[in-house]
C-alpha atoms as a PDB file:
ATOM      1  CA  MET A   1       0.000   0.000   0.000  1.00  0.00           C
ATOM      2  CA  SER A   2       1.449   3.374  -0.815  1.00  0.00           C
ATOM      3  CA  LEU A   3       1.092   6.311   1.510  1.00  0.00           C
ATOM      4  CA  LEU A   4      -1.102   9.389   1.302  1.00  0.00           C
ATOM      5  CA  ILE A   5      -0.591  12.899   2.666  1.00  0.00           C
ATOM      6  CA  THR A   6      -3.830  14.195   4.155  1.00  0.00           C
ATOM      7  CA  HIS A   7      -5.277  17.697   4.400  1.00  0.00           C
ATOM      8  CA  ARG A   8      -3.535  18.036   7.806  1.00  0.00           C
ATOM      9  CA  CYS A   9      -0.283  18.774   5.929  1.00  0.00           C
ATOM     10  CA  ILE A  10       1.244  22.138   6.906  1.00  0.00           C
ATOM     11  CA  ASN A  11       3.794  22.186   4.053  1.00  0.00           C
ATOM     12  CA  CYS A  12       6.725  22.127   6.455  1.00  0.00           C
ATOM     13  CA  ASP A  13       9.036  20.646   3.773  1.00  0.00           C
ATOM     14  CA  MET A  14      10.284  17.868   6.067  1.00  0.00           C
ATOM     15  CA  CYS A  15       9.076  14.831   4.094  1.00  0.00           C
ATOM     16  CA  GLU A  16      10.056  15.616   0.508  1.00  0.00           C
ATOM     17  CA  PRO A  17      13.866  15.507   0.903  1.00  0.00           C
ATOM     18  CA  GLU A  18      13.659  12.369   3.068  1.00  0.00           C
ATOM     19  CA  CYS A  19      11.908  10.183   0.489  1.00  0.00           C
ATOM     20  CA  PRO A  20      14.432   7.718  -0.996  1.00  0.00           C
ATOM     21  CA  ASN A  21      12.129   7.056  -3.956  1.00  0.00           C
ATOM     22  CA  GLU A  22      11.521  10.707  -4.869  1.00  0.00           C
ATOM     23  CA  ALA A  23       7.796  10.001  -4.536  1.00  0.00           C
ATOM     24  CA  ILE A  24       6.890  13.236  -2.704  1.00  0.00           C
ATOM     25  CA  SER A  25       6.353  16.560  -4.438  1.00  0.00           C
ATOM     26  CA  MET A  26       4.394  19.741  -3.916  1.00  0.00           C
ATOM     27  CA  GLY A  27       0.844  19.454  -5.173  1.00  0.00           C
ATOM     28  CA  GLU A  28      -1.614  22.231  -5.805  1.00  0.00           C
ATOM     29  CA  SER A  29      -1.913  23.182  -2.139  1.00  0.00           C
ATOM     30  CA  ILE A  30      -0.129  20.494  -0.096  1.00  0.00           C
ATOM     31  CA  TYR A  31       2.528  17.861  -0.642  1.00  0.00           C
ATOM     32  CA  GLN A  32       1.449  14.710  -2.434  1.00  0.00           C
ATOM     33  CA  ILE A  33       2.810  11.201  -2.832  1.00  0.00           C
ATOM     34  CA  ASN A  34       3.150   9.504  -6.210  1.00  0.00           C
ATOM     35  CA  GLY A  35       1.754   6.041  -5.514  1.00  0.00           C
ATOM     36  CA  ASP A  36       3.712   4.591  -8.439  1.00  0.00           C
ATOM     37  CA  ARG A  37       6.974   5.502  -6.664  1.00  0.00           C
ATOM     38  CA  CYS A  38       6.032   4.961  -2.991  1.00  0.00           C
ATOM     39  CA  THR A  39       7.275   1.688  -1.494  1.00  0.00           C
ATOM     40  CA  GLU A  40       6.646   2.749   2.129  1.00  0.00           C
ATOM     41  CA  CYS A  41      10.468   2.744   2.256  1.00  0.00           C
ATOM     42  CA  VAL A  42      10.578  -1.034   1.682  1.00  0.00           C
ATOM     43  CA  GLY A  43      14.084  -1.726   0.426  1.00  0.00           C
ATOM     44  CA  HIS A  44      15.483   1.310   2.232  1.00  0.00           C
ATOM     45  CA  TYR A  45      14.260   1.526   5.840  1.00  0.00           C
ATOM     46  CA  GLU A  46      12.147  -0.429   8.309  1.00  0.00           C
ATOM     47  CA  THR A  47       9.551   2.331   8.571  1.00  0.00           C
ATOM     48  CA  PRO A  48       8.544   5.130   6.198  1.00  0.00           C
ATOM     49  CA  THR A  49      10.835   8.103   6.739  1.00  0.00           C
ATOM     50  CA  CYS A  50       8.169  10.619   5.750  1.00  0.00           C
ATOM     51  CA  GLN A  51       6.002   9.468   8.656  1.00  0.00           C
ATOM     52  CA  LYS A  52       8.968   9.651  11.029  1.00  0.00           C
ATOM     53  CA  VAL A  53       9.863  13.246  10.164  1.00  0.00           C
ATOM     54  CA  CYS A  54       6.335  14.648   9.865  1.00  0.00           C
ATOM     55  CA  PRO A  55       5.660  16.920  12.854  1.00  0.00           C
ATOM     56  CA  ILE A  56       1.862  16.522  12.652  1.00  0.00           C
ATOM     57  CA  PRO A  57       0.581  13.107  13.830  1.00  0.00           C
ATOM     58  CA  ASN A  58      -1.607  11.116  11.432  1.00  0.00           C
ATOM     59  CA  THR A  59      -0.895  13.361   8.464  1.00  0.00           C
ATOM     60  CA  ILE A  60       0.744  10.663   6.353  1.00  0.00           C
ATOM     61  CA  THR A  61      -1.371   7.512   6.288  1.00  0.00           C
ATOM     62  CA  LYS A  62      -1.805   4.378   4.217  1.00  0.00           C
ATOM     63  CA  ASP A  63      -3.728   5.068   1.023  1.00  0.00           C
ATOM     64  CA  PRO A  64      -6.811   2.813   1.047  1.00  0.00           C
ATOM     65  CA  ALA A  65      -7.088   3.204  -2.727  1.00  0.00           C
ATOM     66  CA  ARG A  66      -3.643   1.623  -3.270  1.00  0.00           C
ATOM     67  CA  THR A  67      -3.539  -1.694  -1.457  1.00  0.00           C
ATOM     68  CA  GLU A  68      -0.205  -3.438  -2.097  1.00  0.00           C
ATOM     69  CA  SER A  69       1.400  -6.424  -0.408  1.00  0.00           C
ATOM     70  CA  GLU A  70       4.937  -6.392   0.958  1.00  0.00           C
ATOM     71  CA  GLU A  71       5.957  -8.462  -2.066  1.00  0.00           C
ATOM     72  CA  GLN A  72       4.452  -5.907  -4.448  1.00  0.00           C
ATOM     73  CA  LEU A  73       6.303  -3.106  -2.625  1.00  0.00           C
ATOM     74  CA  TRP A  74       9.568  -5.061  -2.989  1.00  0.00           C
ATOM     75  CA  ASP A  75       8.881  -5.546  -6.698  1.00  0.00           C
ATOM     76  CA  LYS A  76       8.280  -1.815  -7.066  1.00  0.00           C
ATOM     77  CA  PHE A  77      11.541  -1.074  -5.212  1.00  0.00           C
ATOM     78  CA  VAL A  78      13.468  -3.367  -7.574  1.00  0.00           C
ATOM     79  CA  GLN A  79      11.883  -1.738 -10.630  1.00  0.00           C
ATOM     80  CA  LEU A  80      12.684   1.754  -9.359  1.00  0.00           C
ATOM     81  CA  HIS A  81      16.255   1.132  -8.287  1.00  0.00           C
ATOM     82  CA  HIS A  82      17.536  -1.946 -10.075  1.00  0.00           C
ATOM     83  CA  ALA A  83      15.645  -2.123 -13.379  1.00  0.00           C
ATOM     84  CA  ASP A  84      18.911  -1.864 -15.300  1.00  0.00           C
ATOM     85  CA  LYS A  85      20.095  -5.138 -13.695  1.00  0.00           C
ATOM     86  CA  ILE A  86      16.982  -7.189 -14.462  1.00  0.00           C
END
């Protein structure tokens, strides 16, 4: 499952530089997460770094519209970072 930044976002700029998949960018009014690039930090860290650095609790949550298994997240990680070796 990829993550989602909710309306609670205060645009503090903490999450965007921490994303190892470059999945976070500024949207129209708040930051947004590109679900095609979000692996919930699988392949990089044990927990999502964006959630760790966000100063507002419950602002970055699992996106119910993008249910993905751990295996699917690993596959996405491999495609994003090791596609040239496949």
